[in-house]
Amino acid sequence: MVSGSRDNSVRAWDLRTGRPRLHLTQHFGGVQCLAFDDKLDGANGGYLSGARDSTINVWARSGHFLRTLRSHKGLVNAMAVRQNEGKNGESRVASGSSDGCLRIWDHHSSRCVRTLQAHHQAVTSVVWGPGPSSVITGSTDCSVKLWNTRTGQQVRSWDGHAGTVTQVLADGGRAYSSSRDGTVRIWGVPAATGAAGAADATAESGA
């Protein structure tokens, strides 16, 4: 198990003994979110950690620090990995920040391939959608939005919550969102929003 903390660290735990196996301390702000990618580091797998210092750090499963991803201007609040999303079947990471931006990363080469001004307020949750090249975001502006990361276009905006969206999930043709208003809402998602592997073809220059 891997955990992140406000003490700026990431720890990997041995669940049999309850003791930490790794203690990673590269961040300069509290860790807000974590993701796992089993295609990192020569398919050995590894971790990604997003933090209040506006960065995403990439770690090998062994705990070896690989690289830092920099572009966000605010806290990195949420991340999600999708396999086979990039060129040649590579994985990609979607991240959301308090700067309101959604970013798509080729984290294998430290490159931001797409930046979207997704919300006017902080992005609190990010999940890859059921269709290729689709991402769903939730925000403190109470909305849930569906994006085509190939074209950069907003496909849907769902407005119904009366409080900050705390979590979004996707399964089949539906998206699920929870909110500080005490409700969970279920949304219908279009079957197709883009073409797999095309996100890199329209990369934002200078991202």
N, C-alpha and C. Protein backbone atom coordinates (compact mmCIF):
# COMPACT_ATOMS: atom_id res chain seq x y z
N MET A 1 0.85 -1.18 0.00
CA MET A 1 0.00 0.00 0.00
C MET A 1 0.89 1.23 0.00
N VAL A 2 0.43 2.28 -0.70
CA VAL A 2 1.18 3.53 -0.76
C VAL A 2 0.30 4.66 -0.22
N SER A 3 0.88 5.54 0.57
CA SER A 3 0.13 6.66 1.15
C SER A 3 0.91 7.96 0.98
N GLY A 4 0.18 9.07 0.94
CA GLY A 4 0.79 10.39 0.90
C GLY A 4 0.30 11.20 2.08
N SER A 5 1.10 12.17 2.50
CA SER A 5 0.80 12.88 3.75
C SER A 5 1.06 14.38 3.63
N ARG A 6 0.46 15.13 4.56
CA ARG A 6 0.74 16.56 4.66
C ARG A 6 2.16 16.84 5.14
N ASP A 7 2.88 15.82 5.59
CA ASP A 7 4.28 16.01 5.99
C ASP A 7 5.21 15.98 4.77
N ASN A 8 4.61 16.05 3.55
CA ASN A 8 5.34 16.13 2.27
C ASN A 8 5.88 14.78 1.79
N SER A 9 5.57 13.70 2.48
CA SER A 9 6.19 12.42 2.14
C SER A 9 5.21 11.44 1.50
N VAL A 10 5.81 10.47 0.81
CA VAL A 10 5.10 9.31 0.28
C VAL A 10 5.72 8.07 0.93
N ARG A 11 4.88 7.18 1.41
CA ARG A 11 5.38 5.96 2.04
C ARG A 11 4.73 4.74 1.40
N ALA A 12 5.53 3.70 1.20
CA ALA A 12 5.04 2.39 0.77
C ALA A 12 5.13 1.45 1.97
N TRP A 13 4.04 0.70 2.20
CA TRP A 13 3.91 -0.08 3.43
C TRP A 13 3.86 -1.58 3.13
N ASP A 14 4.46 -2.34 4.03
CA ASP A 14 4.32 -3.80 4.03
C ASP A 14 3.09 -4.13 4.88
N LEU A 15 2.02 -4.58 4.24
CA LEU A 15 0.77 -4.82 4.97
C LEU A 15 0.86 -6.02 5.91
N ARG A 16 1.84 -6.88 5.70
CA ARG A 16 1.98 -8.03 6.61
C ARG A 16 2.56 -7.62 7.95
N THR A 17 3.47 -6.66 7.93
CA THR A 17 4.14 -6.25 9.17
C THR A 17 3.65 -4.90 9.68
N GLY A 18 3.01 -4.10 8.78
CA GLY A 18 2.58 -2.76 9.17
C GLY A 18 3.70 -1.75 9.19
N ARG A 19 4.85 -2.12 8.64
CA ARG A 19 6.00 -1.22 8.66
C ARG A 19 6.23 -0.60 7.28
N PRO A 20 6.75 0.65 7.24
CA PRO A 20 7.03 1.28 5.95
C PRO A 20 8.24 0.63 5.27
N ARG A 21 8.12 0.40 3.96
CA ARG A 21 9.23 -0.14 3.18
C ARG A 21 9.98 0.96 2.46
N LEU A 22 9.28 2.05 2.14
CA LEU A 22 9.89 3.18 1.46
C LEU A 22 9.40 4.47 2.10
N HIS A 23 10.28 5.45 2.16
CA HIS A 23 9.92 6.78 2.67
C HIS A 23 10.49 7.78 1.68
N LEU A 24 9.61 8.39 0.85
CA LEU A 24 10.02 9.23 -0.26
C LEU A 24 9.75 10.69 0.10
N THR A 25 10.76 11.54 -0.04
CA THR A 25 10.65 12.91 0.49
C THR A 25 11.13 13.95 -0.53
N GLN A 26 10.64 13.89 -1.74
CA GLN A 26 11.07 14.83 -2.77
C GLN A 26 10.19 16.08 -2.84
N HIS A 27 8.98 16.02 -2.32
CA HIS A 27 8.06 17.15 -2.40
C HIS A 27 8.39 18.23 -1.36
N PHE A 28 7.93 19.47 -1.68
CA PHE A 28 8.08 20.59 -0.76
C PHE A 28 6.72 21.11 -0.30
N GLY A 29 5.71 20.27 -0.40
CA GLY A 29 4.37 20.58 0.06
C GLY A 29 3.63 19.28 0.31
N GLY A 30 2.54 19.34 1.06
CA GLY A 30 1.79 18.15 1.39
C GLY A 30 1.31 17.40 0.15
N VAL A 31 1.33 16.08 0.23
CA VAL A 31 0.91 15.23 -0.89
C VAL A 31 -0.61 15.14 -0.92
N GLN A 32 -1.20 15.50 -2.05
CA GLN A 32 -2.65 15.57 -2.20
C GLN A 32 -3.25 14.32 -2.85
N CYS A 33 -2.48 13.66 -3.74
CA CYS A 33 -3.05 12.54 -4.50
C CYS A 33 -1.94 11.62 -4.98
N LEU A 34 -2.32 10.38 -5.27
CA LEU A 34 -1.39 9.35 -5.73
C LEU A 34 -2.01 8.57 -6.88
N ALA A 35 -1.16 8.01 -7.72
CA ALA A 35 -1.61 7.12 -8.79
C ALA A 35 -0.53 6.07 -9.01
N PHE A 36 -0.94 4.92 -9.53
CA PHE A 36 0.00 3.84 -9.83
C PHE A 36 -0.03 3.55 -11.32
N ASP A 37 1.14 3.32 -11.90
CA ASP A 37 1.25 2.99 -13.32
C ASP A 37 2.12 1.75 -13.46
N ASP A 38 1.52 0.65 -13.89
CA ASP A 38 2.29 -0.60 -13.99
C ASP A 38 3.16 -0.68 -15.23
N LYS A 39 3.18 0.40 -16.06
CA LYS A 39 4.06 0.42 -17.23
C LYS A 39 5.25 1.37 -17.05
N LEU A 40 5.42 1.88 -15.86
CA LEU A 40 6.57 2.73 -15.57
C LEU A 40 7.83 1.91 -15.40
N ASP A 41 8.97 2.56 -15.63
CA ASP A 41 10.27 1.98 -15.30
C ASP A 41 10.47 0.60 -15.94
N GLY A 42 10.31 0.55 -17.26
CA GLY A 42 10.51 -0.71 -17.96
C GLY A 42 9.50 -1.76 -17.59
N ALA A 43 8.25 -1.34 -17.36
CA ALA A 43 7.13 -2.23 -17.02
C ALA A 43 7.27 -2.83 -15.62
N ASN A 44 8.18 -2.30 -14.80
CA ASN A 44 8.26 -2.75 -13.41
C ASN A 44 7.21 -2.07 -12.55
N GLY A 45 6.66 -0.98 -13.06
CA GLY A 45 5.64 -0.26 -12.32
C GLY A 45 6.23 0.85 -11.47
N GLY A 46 5.37 1.79 -11.12
CA GLY A 46 5.83 2.89 -10.28
C GLY A 46 4.69 3.77 -9.83
N TYR A 47 5.02 4.84 -9.12
CA TYR A 47 4.04 5.70 -8.49
C TYR A 47 4.15 7.12 -9.02
N LEU A 48 3.05 7.84 -8.95
CA LEU A 48 3.04 9.28 -9.21
C LEU A 48 2.39 9.95 -8.01
N SER A 49 2.97 11.05 -7.57
CA SER A 49 2.44 11.78 -6.42
C SER A 49 2.26 13.24 -6.79
N GLY A 50 1.07 13.78 -6.51
CA GLY A 50 0.78 15.19 -6.74
C GLY A 50 0.71 15.92 -5.41
N ALA A 51 1.17 17.16 -5.39
CA ALA A 51 1.33 17.82 -4.09
C ALA A 51 0.95 19.30 -4.13
N ARG A 52 0.97 19.89 -2.95
CA ARG A 52 0.66 21.30 -2.78
C ARG A 52 1.75 22.20 -3.34
N ASP A 53 2.90 21.65 -3.70
CA ASP A 53 3.98 22.43 -4.31
C ASP A 53 3.81 22.58 -5.82
N SER A 54 2.64 22.17 -6.35
CA SER A 54 2.27 22.31 -7.76
C SER A 54 2.97 21.32 -8.68
N THR A 55 3.64 20.33 -8.13
CA THR A 55 4.38 19.38 -8.95
C THR A 55 3.80 17.97 -8.84
N ILE A 56 4.16 17.15 -9.83
CA ILE A 56 3.90 15.72 -9.81
C ILE A 56 5.25 15.02 -9.87
N ASN A 57 5.54 14.18 -8.91
CA ASN A 57 6.77 13.40 -8.92
C ASN A 57 6.50 11.98 -9.38
N VAL A 58 7.44 11.45 -10.13
CA VAL A 58 7.33 10.10 -10.68
C VAL A 58 8.41 9.23 -10.04
N TRP A 59 7.97 8.08 -9.51
CA TRP A 59 8.87 7.19 -8.76
C TRP A 59 8.81 5.77 -9.33
N ALA A 60 9.96 5.11 -9.38
CA ALA A 60 9.98 3.69 -9.67
C ALA A 60 9.42 2.92 -8.49
N ARG A 61 8.97 1.71 -8.74
CA ARG A 61 8.43 0.89 -7.64
C ARG A 61 9.46 0.70 -6.53
N SER A 62 10.74 0.69 -6.91
CA SER A 62 11.81 0.51 -5.93
C SER A 62 11.99 1.72 -5.02
N GLY A 63 11.36 2.85 -5.37
CA GLY A 63 11.52 4.07 -4.62
C GLY A 63 12.49 5.04 -5.25
N HIS A 64 13.11 4.64 -6.37
CA HIS A 64 14.03 5.53 -7.07
C HIS A 64 13.27 6.68 -7.71
N PHE A 65 13.72 7.91 -7.44
CA PHE A 65 13.08 9.09 -8.02
C PHE A 65 13.43 9.18 -9.50
N LEU A 66 12.40 9.32 -10.36
CA LEU A 66 12.62 9.35 -11.80
C LEU A 66 12.59 10.76 -12.37
N ARG A 67 11.54 11.54 -12.05
CA ARG A 67 11.43 12.87 -12.65
C ARG A 67 10.31 13.67 -11.97
N THR A 68 10.29 14.97 -12.25
CA THR A 68 9.24 15.86 -11.77
C THR A 68 8.52 16.48 -12.95
N LEU A 69 7.20 16.54 -12.87
CA LEU A 69 6.37 17.17 -13.90
C LEU A 69 5.94 18.53 -13.38
N ARG A 70 6.25 19.58 -14.15
CA ARG A 70 5.94 20.95 -13.73
C ARG A 70 5.17 21.68 -14.82
N SER A 71 4.03 22.23 -14.46
CA SER A 71 3.24 23.13 -15.33
C SER A 71 2.10 23.74 -14.55
N HIS A 72 1.54 23.00 -13.60
CA HIS A 72 0.43 23.52 -12.81
C HIS A 72 0.86 24.74 -12.01
N LYS A 73 -0.08 25.66 -11.81
CA LYS A 73 0.17 26.87 -11.04
C LYS A 73 -0.48 26.82 -9.66
N GLY A 74 -1.09 25.69 -9.34
CA GLY A 74 -1.75 25.54 -8.05
C GLY A 74 -1.55 24.14 -7.51
N LEU A 75 -2.24 23.83 -6.42
CA LEU A 75 -2.16 22.52 -5.79
C LEU A 75 -2.61 21.44 -6.78
N VAL A 76 -1.88 20.34 -6.86
CA VAL A 76 -2.30 19.21 -7.67
C VAL A 76 -3.22 18.35 -6.80
N ASN A 77 -4.52 18.38 -7.11
CA ASN A 77 -5.52 17.76 -6.25
C ASN A 77 -5.90 16.34 -6.65
N ALA A 78 -5.74 15.99 -7.93
CA ALA A 78 -6.26 14.71 -8.41
C ALA A 78 -5.47 14.25 -9.62
N MET A 79 -5.33 12.92 -9.74
CA MET A 79 -4.66 12.32 -10.89
C MET A 79 -5.32 11.00 -11.25
N ALA A 80 -5.18 10.61 -12.51
CA ALA A 80 -5.65 9.30 -12.95
C ALA A 80 -4.78 8.85 -14.11
N VAL A 81 -4.46 7.55 -14.14
CA VAL A 81 -3.63 6.94 -15.19
C VAL A 81 -4.52 6.12 -16.11
N ARG A 82 -4.25 6.21 -17.42
CA ARG A 82 -4.89 5.30 -18.37
C ARG A 82 -3.82 4.65 -19.24
N GLN A 83 -3.91 3.33 -19.35
CA GLN A 83 -3.00 2.59 -20.22
C GLN A 83 -3.44 2.71 -21.68
N ASN A 84 -2.46 2.61 -22.58
CA ASN A 84 -2.72 2.57 -24.03
C ASN A 84 -3.39 3.84 -24.55
N GLU A 85 -3.20 4.95 -23.87
CA GLU A 85 -3.82 6.20 -24.30
C GLU A 85 -2.92 6.99 -25.23
N GLY A 86 -1.61 6.83 -25.09
CA GLY A 86 -0.67 7.58 -25.90
C GLY A 86 -0.19 6.82 -27.11
N LYS A 87 0.77 7.41 -27.80
CA LYS A 87 1.36 6.77 -28.96
C LYS A 87 2.05 5.47 -28.55
N ASN A 88 2.01 4.49 -29.46
CA ASN A 88 2.67 3.20 -29.23
C ASN A 88 2.17 2.50 -27.96
N GLY A 89 0.93 2.79 -27.58
CA GLY A 89 0.33 2.12 -26.44
C GLY A 89 0.82 2.59 -25.09
N GLU A 90 1.49 3.74 -25.02
CA GLU A 90 1.99 4.23 -23.75
C GLU A 90 0.86 4.75 -22.87
N SER A 91 1.12 4.73 -21.57
CA SER A 91 0.15 5.26 -20.62
C SER A 91 0.23 6.78 -20.57
N ARG A 92 -0.85 7.39 -20.10
CA ARG A 92 -0.91 8.83 -19.91
C ARG A 92 -1.53 9.14 -18.55
N VAL A 93 -1.18 10.30 -18.01
CA VAL A 93 -1.72 10.75 -16.73
C VAL A 93 -2.54 12.01 -16.95
N ALA A 94 -3.72 12.05 -16.37
CA ALA A 94 -4.54 13.26 -16.33
C ALA A 94 -4.46 13.82 -14.92
N SER A 95 -4.26 15.14 -14.81
CA SER A 95 -4.15 15.76 -13.48
C SER A 95 -5.00 17.02 -13.42
N GLY A 96 -5.55 17.27 -12.25
CA GLY A 96 -6.35 18.47 -12.01
C GLY A 96 -5.81 19.25 -10.84
N SER A 97 -5.95 20.58 -10.91
CA SER A 97 -5.30 21.45 -9.93
C SER A 97 -6.23 22.55 -9.45
N SER A 98 -5.81 23.21 -8.37
CA SER A 98 -6.55 24.36 -7.87
C SER A 98 -6.47 25.54 -8.82
N ASP A 99 -5.60 25.47 -9.85
CA ASP A 99 -5.57 26.51 -10.87
C ASP A 99 -6.70 26.37 -11.89
N GLY A 100 -7.55 25.36 -11.71
CA GLY A 100 -8.68 25.13 -12.59
C GLY A 100 -8.34 24.37 -13.85
N CYS A 101 -7.08 23.99 -14.01
CA CYS A 101 -6.64 23.34 -15.25
C CYS A 101 -6.68 21.81 -15.15
N LEU A 102 -6.96 21.21 -16.30
CA LEU A 102 -6.80 19.78 -16.52
C LEU A 102 -5.61 19.62 -17.46
N ARG A 103 -4.65 18.81 -17.07
CA ARG A 103 -3.48 18.58 -17.91
C ARG A 103 -3.32 17.09 -18.21
N ILE A 104 -2.93 16.80 -19.44
CA ILE A 104 -2.63 15.45 -19.86
C ILE A 104 -1.12 15.34 -20.08
N TRP A 105 -0.52 14.32 -19.49
CA TRP A 105 0.94 14.20 -19.47
C TRP A 105 1.41 12.93 -20.15
N ASP A 106 2.49 13.09 -20.93
CA ASP A 106 3.36 11.96 -21.27
C ASP A 106 4.42 11.95 -20.17
N HIS A 107 4.11 11.26 -19.09
CA HIS A 107 4.98 11.30 -17.92
C HIS A 107 6.26 10.49 -18.10
N HIS A 108 6.33 9.74 -19.19
CA HIS A 108 7.55 9.00 -19.49
C HIS A 108 8.64 9.94 -20.01
N SER A 109 8.23 11.08 -20.58
CA SER A 109 9.20 12.03 -21.12
C SER A 109 9.07 13.41 -20.49
N SER A 110 8.32 13.51 -19.39
CA SER A 110 8.13 14.78 -18.66
C SER A 110 7.45 15.85 -19.51
N ARG A 111 6.55 15.44 -20.41
CA ARG A 111 5.96 16.38 -21.35
C ARG A 111 4.46 16.52 -21.10
N CYS A 112 3.99 17.76 -20.98
CA CYS A 112 2.56 18.03 -20.93
C CYS A 112 2.05 18.14 -22.36
N VAL A 113 1.14 17.25 -22.75
CA VAL A 113 0.70 17.20 -24.14
C VAL A 113 -0.62 17.93 -24.38
N ARG A 114 -1.32 18.30 -23.31
CA ARG A 114 -2.57 19.03 -23.47
C ARG A 114 -2.90 19.76 -22.19
N THR A 115 -3.28 21.02 -22.30
CA THR A 115 -3.74 21.81 -21.16
C THR A 115 -5.12 22.36 -21.47
N LEU A 116 -6.07 22.13 -20.57
CA LEU A 116 -7.42 22.64 -20.72
C LEU A 116 -7.79 23.48 -19.50
N GLN A 117 -8.32 24.66 -19.73
CA GLN A 117 -8.87 25.44 -18.62
C GLN A 117 -10.24 24.87 -18.33
N ALA A 118 -10.26 23.85 -17.49
CA ALA A 118 -11.45 23.03 -17.32
C ALA A 118 -12.53 23.71 -16.48
N HIS A 119 -12.13 24.44 -15.45
CA HIS A 119 -13.08 25.06 -14.53
C HIS A 119 -12.57 26.44 -14.14
N HIS A 120 -13.51 27.29 -13.68
CA HIS A 120 -13.14 28.60 -13.18
C HIS A 120 -12.63 28.53 -11.75
N GLN A 121 -12.92 27.42 -11.09
CA GLN A 121 -12.43 27.20 -9.73
C GLN A 121 -11.62 25.89 -9.72
N ALA A 122 -11.22 25.46 -8.53
CA ALA A 122 -10.32 24.33 -8.39
C ALA A 122 -10.92 23.03 -8.93
N VAL A 123 -10.09 22.25 -9.61
CA VAL A 123 -10.46 20.88 -9.98
C VAL A 123 -10.18 19.99 -8.78
N THR A 124 -11.19 19.25 -8.35
CA THR A 124 -11.07 18.43 -7.14
C THR A 124 -10.97 16.94 -7.43
N SER A 125 -11.40 16.51 -8.63
CA SER A 125 -11.39 15.09 -8.95
C SER A 125 -11.26 14.91 -10.46
N VAL A 126 -10.53 13.86 -10.85
CA VAL A 126 -10.29 13.55 -12.26
C VAL A 126 -10.40 12.05 -12.46
N VAL A 127 -11.09 11.64 -13.52
CA VAL A 127 -11.16 10.23 -13.87
C VAL A 127 -11.22 10.12 -15.39
N TRP A 128 -10.58 9.10 -15.95
CA TRP A 128 -10.72 8.84 -17.37
C TRP A 128 -12.13 8.33 -17.64
N GLY A 129 -12.73 8.82 -18.72
CA GLY A 129 -14.09 8.44 -19.06
C GLY A 129 -14.17 7.09 -19.72
N PRO A 130 -15.38 6.62 -19.97
CA PRO A 130 -15.57 5.29 -20.57
C PRO A 130 -15.12 5.22 -22.02
N GLY A 131 -15.09 6.35 -22.72
CA GLY A 131 -14.65 6.35 -24.11
C GLY A 131 -13.19 6.71 -24.22
N PRO A 132 -12.54 6.41 -25.36
CA PRO A 132 -11.14 6.79 -25.55
C PRO A 132 -10.97 8.30 -25.57
N SER A 133 -9.86 8.76 -25.04
CA SER A 133 -9.50 10.18 -25.03
C SER A 133 -10.52 11.04 -24.29
N SER A 134 -11.22 10.47 -23.33
CA SER A 134 -12.21 11.24 -22.58
C SER A 134 -11.84 11.28 -21.10
N VAL A 135 -12.02 12.46 -20.49
CA VAL A 135 -11.74 12.67 -19.08
C VAL A 135 -12.91 13.40 -18.45
N ILE A 136 -13.26 13.02 -17.23
CA ILE A 136 -14.33 13.66 -16.47
C ILE A 136 -13.71 14.37 -15.27
N THR A 137 -14.13 15.62 -15.04
CA THR A 137 -13.60 16.41 -13.94
C THR A 137 -14.72 16.90 -13.03
N GLY A 138 -14.39 17.04 -11.75
CA GLY A 138 -15.28 17.67 -10.78
C GLY A 138 -14.57 18.85 -10.16
N SER A 139 -15.35 19.80 -9.62
CA SER A 139 -14.75 21.07 -9.20
C SER A 139 -15.45 21.66 -7.99
N THR A 140 -14.78 22.64 -7.37
CA THR A 140 -15.41 23.42 -6.32
C THR A 140 -16.50 24.33 -6.86
N ASP A 141 -16.59 24.48 -8.19
CA ASP A 141 -17.67 25.28 -8.78
C ASP A 141 -18.98 24.50 -8.89
N CYS A 142 -18.99 23.27 -8.30
CA CYS A 142 -20.18 22.41 -8.18
C CYS A 142 -20.52 21.67 -9.47
N SER A 143 -19.73 21.82 -10.52
CA SER A 143 -20.05 21.19 -11.81
C SER A 143 -19.20 19.95 -12.05
N VAL A 144 -19.71 19.10 -12.95
CA VAL A 144 -19.00 17.93 -13.46
C VAL A 144 -18.93 18.09 -14.97
N LYS A 145 -17.74 17.89 -15.55
CA LYS A 145 -17.59 18.12 -16.98
C LYS A 145 -16.88 16.95 -17.65
N LEU A 146 -17.28 16.70 -18.89
CA LEU A 146 -16.70 15.66 -19.72
C LEU A 146 -15.92 16.32 -20.85
N TRP A 147 -14.67 15.87 -21.04
CA TRP A 147 -13.76 16.49 -22.01
C TRP A 147 -13.27 15.49 -23.04
N ASN A 148 -13.10 15.96 -24.26
CA ASN A 148 -12.40 15.21 -25.29
C ASN A 148 -10.96 15.71 -25.30
N THR A 149 -10.02 14.89 -24.85
CA THR A 149 -8.64 15.34 -24.73
C THR A 149 -7.93 15.36 -26.08
N ARG A 150 -8.52 14.77 -27.10
CA ARG A 150 -7.93 14.83 -28.44
C ARG A 150 -8.16 16.20 -29.06
N THR A 151 -9.39 16.70 -28.94
CA THR A 151 -9.74 17.99 -29.54
C THR A 151 -9.64 19.14 -28.56
N GLY A 152 -9.64 18.84 -27.27
CA GLY A 152 -9.64 19.89 -26.26
C GLY A 152 -11.00 20.48 -26.00
N GLN A 153 -12.06 19.86 -26.54
CA GLN A 153 -13.39 20.41 -26.41
C GLN A 153 -14.15 19.83 -25.22
N GLN A 154 -15.00 20.66 -24.65
CA GLN A 154 -15.93 20.20 -23.63
C GLN A 154 -17.09 19.49 -24.30
N VAL A 155 -17.35 18.26 -23.88
CA VAL A 155 -18.42 17.46 -24.47
C VAL A 155 -19.72 17.63 -23.70
N ARG A 156 -19.65 17.66 -22.38
CA ARG A 156 -20.82 17.83 -21.52
C ARG A 156 -20.44 18.64 -20.29
N SER A 157 -21.41 19.39 -19.77
CA SER A 157 -21.29 20.01 -18.45
C SER A 157 -22.54 19.67 -17.68
N TRP A 158 -22.37 19.02 -16.54
CA TRP A 158 -23.51 18.62 -15.72
C TRP A 158 -23.56 19.51 -14.48
N ASP A 159 -24.65 20.23 -14.35
CA ASP A 159 -24.83 21.15 -13.23
C ASP A 159 -26.06 20.70 -12.44
N GLY A 160 -25.86 20.36 -11.20
CA GLY A 160 -26.95 19.90 -10.38
C GLY A 160 -26.58 19.91 -8.91
N HIS A 161 -25.29 19.78 -8.63
CA HIS A 161 -24.83 19.82 -7.25
C HIS A 161 -24.89 21.25 -6.70
N ALA A 162 -25.09 21.34 -5.40
CA ALA A 162 -25.14 22.63 -4.72
C ALA A 162 -23.93 22.83 -3.82
N GLY A 163 -22.91 21.99 -3.99
CA GLY A 163 -21.69 22.09 -3.19
C GLY A 163 -20.52 21.55 -3.98
N THR A 164 -19.32 21.70 -3.43
CA THR A 164 -18.10 21.21 -4.07
C THR A 164 -18.23 19.74 -4.44
N VAL A 165 -17.83 19.40 -5.66
CA VAL A 165 -17.79 17.99 -6.09
C VAL A 165 -16.54 17.37 -5.50
N THR A 166 -16.72 16.33 -4.70
CA THR A 166 -15.60 15.74 -3.97
C THR A 166 -14.99 14.54 -4.68
N GLN A 167 -15.76 13.86 -5.54
CA GLN A 167 -15.25 12.67 -6.21
C GLN A 167 -16.06 12.39 -7.46
N VAL A 168 -15.40 11.96 -8.53
CA VAL A 168 -16.09 11.47 -9.72
C VAL A 168 -15.55 10.10 -10.08
N LEU A 169 -16.44 9.24 -10.56
CA LEU A 169 -16.09 7.91 -11.02
C LEU A 169 -16.81 7.66 -12.34
N ALA A 170 -16.32 6.72 -13.13
CA ALA A 170 -16.96 6.37 -14.39
C ALA A 170 -16.99 4.85 -14.53
N ASP A 171 -18.11 4.35 -15.05
CA ASP A 171 -18.27 2.92 -15.24
C ASP A 171 -19.27 2.71 -16.36
N GLY A 172 -18.81 2.10 -17.47
CA GLY A 172 -19.69 1.89 -18.60
C GLY A 172 -20.15 3.22 -19.17
N GLY A 173 -21.44 3.38 -19.33
CA GLY A 173 -21.98 4.60 -19.90
C GLY A 173 -22.46 5.59 -18.87
N ARG A 174 -21.95 5.50 -17.65
CA ARG A 174 -22.38 6.41 -16.60
C ARG A 174 -21.22 7.01 -15.84
N ALA A 175 -21.45 8.21 -15.33
CA ALA A 175 -20.51 8.86 -14.43
C ALA A 175 -21.22 9.08 -13.10
N TYR A 176 -20.47 9.03 -12.01
CA TYR A 176 -21.01 9.17 -10.67
C TYR A 176 -20.25 10.27 -9.96
N SER A 177 -20.95 11.16 -9.30
CA SER A 177 -20.30 12.25 -8.58
C SER A 177 -20.89 12.40 -7.19
N SER A 178 -20.00 12.66 -6.23
CA SER A 178 -20.44 12.97 -4.87
C SER A 178 -20.09 14.41 -4.57
N SER A 179 -20.80 14.99 -3.60
CA SER A 179 -20.65 16.42 -3.34
C SER A 179 -20.81 16.72 -1.85
N ARG A 180 -20.31 17.89 -1.48
CA ARG A 180 -20.48 18.36 -0.10
C ARG A 180 -21.93 18.74 0.18
N ASP A 181 -22.79 18.73 -0.84
CA ASP A 181 -24.21 18.97 -0.60
C ASP A 181 -24.91 17.72 -0.06
N GLY A 182 -24.14 16.63 0.12
CA GLY A 182 -24.68 15.41 0.70
C GLY A 182 -25.31 14.45 -0.29
N THR A 183 -25.19 14.73 -1.60
CA THR A 183 -25.82 13.88 -2.60
C THR A 183 -24.79 13.18 -3.48
N VAL A 184 -25.24 12.08 -4.08
CA VAL A 184 -24.52 11.41 -5.16
C VAL A 184 -25.40 11.47 -6.39
N ARG A 185 -24.84 11.89 -7.51
CA ARG A 185 -25.61 12.00 -8.75
C ARG A 185 -25.03 11.07 -9.81
N ILE A 186 -25.93 10.55 -10.65
CA ILE A 186 -25.55 9.64 -11.73
C ILE A 186 -25.87 10.31 -13.06
N TRP A 187 -24.88 10.32 -13.95
CA TRP A 187 -24.99 11.04 -15.22
C TRP A 187 -24.78 10.07 -16.39
N GLY A 188 -25.53 10.27 -17.45
CA GLY A 188 -25.34 9.49 -18.67
C GLY A 188 -24.19 10.06 -19.48
N VAL A 189 -23.29 9.19 -19.95
CA VAL A 189 -22.10 9.61 -20.69
C VAL A 189 -22.23 9.17 -22.14
N PRO A 190 -21.96 10.05 -23.12
CA PRO A 190 -21.98 9.65 -24.53
C PRO A 190 -21.04 8.49 -24.78
N ALA A 191 -21.39 7.65 -25.74
CA ALA A 191 -20.63 6.42 -25.99
C ALA A 191 -19.22 6.69 -26.50
N ALA A 192 -19.01 7.72 -27.31
CA ALA A 192 -17.69 7.99 -27.89
C ALA A 192 -17.42 9.48 -27.84
N THR A 193 -16.18 9.82 -27.43
CA THR A 193 -15.81 11.23 -27.36
C THR A 193 -14.51 11.54 -28.08
N GLY A 194 -13.86 10.55 -28.64
CA GLY A 194 -12.60 10.82 -29.32
C GLY A 194 -11.94 9.55 -29.77
N ALA A 195 -10.75 9.65 -30.29
CA ALA A 195 -10.01 8.51 -30.82
C ALA A 195 -8.82 8.21 -29.93
N ALA A 196 -8.62 6.94 -29.61
CA ALA A 196 -7.54 6.54 -28.73
C ALA A 196 -6.19 6.88 -29.36
N GLY A 197 -5.27 7.31 -28.49
CA GLY A 197 -3.92 7.58 -28.93
C GLY A 197 -3.74 8.88 -29.66
N ALA A 198 -4.78 9.71 -29.76
CA ALA A 198 -4.68 10.92 -30.55
C ALA A 198 -4.34 12.15 -29.74
N ALA A 199 -4.27 12.01 -28.42
CA ALA A 199 -4.05 13.19 -27.58
C ALA A 199 -2.74 13.89 -27.92
N ASP A 200 -1.70 13.12 -28.27
CA ASP A 200 -0.41 13.73 -28.54
C ASP A 200 -0.38 14.48 -29.87
N ALA A 201 -1.30 14.20 -30.76
CA ALA A 201 -1.24 14.78 -32.08
C ALA A 201 -1.52 16.26 -32.09
N THR A 202 -2.19 16.77 -31.05
CA THR A 202 -2.52 18.19 -30.98
C THR A 202 -1.96 18.80 -29.72
N ALA A 203 -0.71 18.49 -29.43
CA ALA A 203 -0.06 18.93 -28.21
C ALA A 203 -0.01 20.46 -28.16
N GLU A 204 -0.19 21.00 -26.97
CA GLU A 204 -0.11 22.43 -26.77
C GLU A 204 1.35 22.85 -26.70
N SER A 205 1.73 23.78 -27.52
CA SER A 205 3.11 24.25 -27.51
C SER A 205 3.36 25.08 -26.27
N GLY A 206 4.53 24.88 -25.68
CA GLY A 206 4.93 25.65 -24.51
C GLY A 206 4.23 25.25 -23.25
N ALA A 207 3.57 24.08 -23.23
CA ALA A 207 2.87 23.65 -22.02
C ALA A 207 3.86 23.34 -20.91
